[in-house]
Amino acid sequence: MLKKLLSVVMPVNQQARDAEAYREVIRDAARMGGTLFGPIPEGSRREFFCLDQHTWVWHEEWTDANKVHHARTTRYDVRPHGIFKAQDGMPYQPLGAEEKRRLYAAALQYQRNLHAKYDPILATA
């Protein structure tokens, strides 16, 4: 019984443990990234993270005054010919100069915060 319970709680093989650890780091980094733009209002959720070498994601959820739940996901793709964004399944649009500047500043701060948090941990591993 205990062995079965532990196999559910703790993945059995190294590949599964590595995948779960990666997902946890991404979730933690996304939460940290959501705080870059100020305090998160009560009952809201914000995430900002680097999904892969070319993709940044901003996700926000909130409940309005009428108790209606809203969610918005913006995906930024960095391509050789520009940076493009898509929101909630809409077609990709190129970023304007000001939005590029803001995305760059946010990505830079995200990287700084991520390194400050995880470099000391990795140094002791």
C-alpha atoms as a PDB file:
ATOM      1  CA  MET A   1       0.000   0.000   0.000  1.00  0.00           C
ATOM      2  CA  LEU A   2       2.713   2.492   1.000  1.00  0.00           C
ATOM      3  CA  LYS A   3       4.791   1.554  -2.048  1.00  0.00           C
ATOM      4  CA  LYS A   4       1.826   2.246  -4.356  1.00  0.00           C
ATOM      5  CA  LEU A   5       1.154   5.600  -2.670  1.00  0.00           C
ATOM      6  CA  LEU A   6       4.802   6.622  -2.978  1.00  0.00           C
ATOM      7  CA  SER A   7       4.865   5.652  -6.658  1.00  0.00           C
ATOM      8  CA  VAL A   8       2.022   8.105  -7.275  1.00  0.00           C
ATOM      9  CA  VAL A   9       3.603  10.892  -5.233  1.00  0.00           C
ATOM     10  CA  MET A  10       7.191  10.321  -6.376  1.00  0.00           C
ATOM     11  CA  PRO A  11       7.785   9.363 -10.028  1.00  0.00           C
ATOM     12  CA  VAL A  12       9.598   6.065 -10.418  1.00  0.00           C
ATOM     13  CA  ASN A  13      12.188   6.727 -13.108  1.00  0.00           C
ATOM     14  CA  GLN A  14      14.761   9.473 -13.529  1.00  0.00           C
ATOM     15  CA  GLN A  15      13.195  10.815 -16.726  1.00  0.00           C
ATOM     16  CA  ALA A  16       9.846  11.344 -14.961  1.00  0.00           C
ATOM     17  CA  ARG A  17      11.571  13.019 -11.983  1.00  0.00           C
ATOM     18  CA  ASP A  18      13.524  15.306 -14.332  1.00  0.00           C
ATOM     19  CA  ALA A  19      10.350  16.234 -16.244  1.00  0.00           C
ATOM     20  CA  GLU A  20       8.504  17.044 -13.011  1.00  0.00           C
ATOM     21  CA  ALA A  21      11.436  19.117 -11.728  1.00  0.00           C
ATOM     22  CA  TYR A  22      11.510  21.053 -15.028  1.00  0.00           C
ATOM     23  CA  ARG A  23       7.760  21.739 -14.834  1.00  0.00           C
ATOM     24  CA  GLU A  24       8.107  22.938 -11.240  1.00  0.00           C
ATOM     25  CA  VAL A  25      10.909  25.347 -12.178  1.00  0.00           C
ATOM     26  CA  ILE A  26       8.805  26.708 -15.068  1.00  0.00           C
ATOM     27  CA  ARG A  27       5.789  27.163 -12.746  1.00  0.00           C
ATOM     28  CA  ASP A  28       7.943  28.904 -10.134  1.00  0.00           C
ATOM     29  CA  ALA A  29       9.600  31.128 -12.746  1.00  0.00           C
ATOM     30  CA  ALA A  30       6.185  31.996 -14.224  1.00  0.00           C
ATOM     31  CA  ARG A  31       4.885  33.090 -10.802  1.00  0.00           C
ATOM     32  CA  MET A  32       8.035  35.139 -10.215  1.00  0.00           C
ATOM     33  CA  GLY A  33       7.699  36.692 -13.679  1.00  0.00           C
ATOM     34  CA  GLY A  34       4.116  37.702 -12.951  1.00  0.00           C
ATOM     35  CA  THR A  35       5.318  39.960 -10.132  1.00  0.00           C
ATOM     36  CA  LEU A  36       7.576  42.025 -12.429  1.00  0.00           C
ATOM     37  CA  PHE A  37       4.746  44.413 -13.171  1.00  0.00           C
ATOM     38  CA  GLY A  38       3.778  45.195  -9.620  1.00  0.00           C
ATOM     39  CA  PRO A  39       1.632  43.583  -6.943  1.00  0.00           C
ATOM     40  CA  ILE A  40      -0.901  41.027  -8.119  1.00  0.00           C
ATOM     41  CA  PRO A  41      -4.412  42.007  -7.037  1.00  0.00           C
ATOM     42  CA  GLU A  42      -6.271  39.688  -4.684  1.00  0.00           C
ATOM     43  CA  GLY A  43      -8.055  36.935  -6.596  1.00  0.00           C
ATOM     44  CA  SER A  44      -5.955  37.463  -9.724  1.00  0.00           C
ATOM     45  CA  ARG A  45      -3.217  35.404 -11.276  1.00  0.00           C
ATOM     46  CA  ARG A  46      -0.365  36.622 -13.469  1.00  0.00           C
ATOM     47  CA  GLU A  47       2.424  34.661 -15.094  1.00  0.00           C
ATOM     48  CA  PHE A  48       5.257  35.730 -17.364  1.00  0.00           C
ATOM     49  CA  PHE A  49       7.872  33.251 -18.502  1.00  0.00           C
ATOM     50  CA  CYS A  50      10.235  32.093 -21.183  1.00  0.00           C
ATOM     51  CA  LEU A  51       8.824  28.905 -22.688  1.00  0.00           C
ATOM     52  CA  ASP A  52      11.751  28.164 -24.985  1.00  0.00           C
ATOM     53  CA  GLN A  53      14.554  29.907 -26.872  1.00  0.00           C
ATOM     54  CA  HIS A  54      12.133  31.959 -28.997  1.00  0.00           C
ATOM     55  CA  THR A  55       8.885  32.164 -27.015  1.00  0.00           C
ATOM     56  CA  TRP A  56       7.701  34.325 -24.127  1.00  0.00           C
ATOM     57  CA  VAL A  57       4.263  33.950 -22.532  1.00  0.00           C
ATOM     58  CA  TRP A  58       2.162  36.390 -20.506  1.00  0.00           C
ATOM     59  CA  HIS A  59      -0.946  34.919 -18.846  1.00  0.00           C
ATOM     60  CA  GLU A  60      -3.388  36.785 -16.662  1.00  0.00           C
ATOM     61  CA  GLU A  61      -6.635  35.776 -14.951  1.00  0.00           C
ATOM     62  CA  TRP A  62      -8.960  37.987 -12.955  1.00  0.00           C
ATOM     63  CA  THR A  63     -12.563  38.325 -11.830  1.00  0.00           C
ATOM     64  CA  ASP A  64     -14.293  41.607 -12.600  1.00  0.00           C
ATOM     65  CA  ALA A  65     -16.739  43.564 -10.433  1.00  0.00           C
ATOM     66  CA  ASN A  66     -19.623  41.487 -11.828  1.00  0.00           C
ATOM     67  CA  LYS A  67     -17.900  38.269 -10.686  1.00  0.00           C
ATOM     68  CA  VAL A  68     -17.135  37.282 -14.301  1.00  0.00           C
ATOM     69  CA  HIS A  69     -13.892  35.344 -14.706  1.00  0.00           C
ATOM     70  CA  HIS A  70     -11.507  36.561 -17.442  1.00  0.00           C
ATOM     71  CA  ALA A  71      -8.307  35.050 -18.799  1.00  0.00           C
ATOM     72  CA  ARG A  72      -5.885  36.375 -21.388  1.00  0.00           C
ATOM     73  CA  THR A  73      -2.808  34.682 -22.771  1.00  0.00           C
ATOM     74  CA  THR A  74      -0.326  36.550 -24.926  1.00  0.00           C
ATOM     75  CA  ARG A  75       2.401  34.654 -26.721  1.00  0.00           C
ATOM     76  CA  TYR A  76       5.458  36.518 -28.024  1.00  0.00           C
ATOM     77  CA  ASP A  77       7.500  34.812 -30.742  1.00  0.00           C
ATOM     78  CA  VAL A  78      10.979  36.151 -31.419  1.00  0.00           C
ATOM     79  CA  ARG A  79      11.770  35.503 -35.075  1.00  0.00           C
ATOM     80  CA  PRO A  80      14.710  36.511 -37.285  1.00  0.00           C
ATOM     81  CA  HIS A  81      12.539  39.124 -39.022  1.00  0.00           C
ATOM     82  CA  GLY A  82      10.866  40.583 -35.922  1.00  0.00           C
ATOM     83  CA  ILE A  83       8.881  39.946 -32.762  1.00  0.00           C
ATOM     84  CA  PHE A  84       5.262  38.916 -33.129  1.00  0.00           C
ATOM     85  CA  LYS A  85       2.469  38.440 -30.619  1.00  0.00           C
ATOM     86  CA  ALA A  86      -0.804  36.562 -30.568  1.00  0.00           C
ATOM     87  CA  GLN A  87      -3.502  36.873 -27.922  1.00  0.00           C
ATOM     88  CA  ASP A  88      -6.023  34.165 -27.136  1.00  0.00           C
ATOM     89  CA  GLY A  89      -5.747  32.353 -30.466  1.00  0.00           C
ATOM     90  CA  MET A  90      -5.856  35.445 -32.675  1.00  0.00           C
ATOM     91  CA  PRO A  91      -3.407  35.775 -35.603  1.00  0.00           C
ATOM     92  CA  TYR A  92       0.135  36.944 -34.936  1.00  0.00           C
ATOM     93  CA  GLN A  93       0.807  40.675 -35.232  1.00  0.00           C
ATOM     94  CA  PRO A  94       4.191  42.442 -35.286  1.00  0.00           C
ATOM     95  CA  LEU A  95       5.136  44.399 -32.166  1.00  0.00           C
ATOM     96  CA  GLY A  96       5.547  48.134 -32.331  1.00  0.00           C
ATOM     97  CA  ALA A  97       8.740  49.820 -31.126  1.00  0.00           C
ATOM     98  CA  GLU A  98       7.387  50.741 -27.650  1.00  0.00           C
ATOM     99  CA  GLU A  99       6.028  47.257 -26.962  1.00  0.00           C
ATOM    100  CA  LYS A 100       9.349  45.734 -28.106  1.00  0.00           C
ATOM    101  CA  ARG A 101      11.157  47.987 -25.634  1.00  0.00           C
ATOM    102  CA  ARG A 102       8.835  46.981 -22.781  1.00  0.00           C
ATOM    103  CA  LEU A 103       9.111  43.272 -23.611  1.00  0.00           C
ATOM    104  CA  TYR A 104      12.910  43.537 -23.723  1.00  0.00           C
ATOM    105  CA  ALA A 105      13.003  45.304 -20.329  1.00  0.00           C
ATOM    106  CA  ALA A 106      10.677  42.696 -18.791  1.00  0.00           C
ATOM    107  CA  ALA A 107      12.666  39.789 -20.259  1.00  0.00           C
ATOM    108  CA  LEU A 108      15.922  41.279 -18.981  1.00  0.00           C
ATOM    109  CA  GLN A 109      14.542  41.712 -15.455  1.00  0.00           C
ATOM    110  CA  TYR A 110      13.040  38.207 -15.573  1.00  0.00           C
ATOM    111  CA  GLN A 111      16.452  36.764 -16.476  1.00  0.00           C
ATOM    112  CA  ARG A 112      18.143  38.730 -13.673  1.00  0.00           C
ATOM    113  CA  ASN A 113      15.596  37.531 -11.103  1.00  0.00           C
ATOM    114  CA  LEU A 114      15.829  33.952 -12.342  1.00  0.00           C
ATOM    115  CA  HIS A 115      19.615  33.924 -12.103  1.00  0.00           C
ATOM    116  CA  ALA A 116      19.542  35.528  -8.666  1.00  0.00           C
ATOM    117  CA  LYS A 117      17.178  32.825  -7.433  1.00  0.00           C
ATOM    118  CA  TYR A 118      18.574  29.718  -9.115  1.00  0.00           C
ATOM    119  CA  ASP A 119      22.323  30.315  -9.558  1.00  0.00           C
ATOM    120  CA  PRO A 120      23.035  29.832  -5.813  1.00  0.00           C
ATOM    121  CA  ILE A 121      21.006  26.599  -5.859  1.00  0.00           C
ATOM    122  CA  LEU A 122      22.787  25.273  -8.935  1.00  0.00           C
ATOM    123  CA  ALA A 123      26.184  26.143  -7.470  1.00  0.00           C
ATOM    124  CA  THR A 124      25.543  23.814  -4.514  1.00  0.00           C
ATOM    125  CA  ALA A 125      24.080  20.952  -6.568  1.00  0.00           C
END
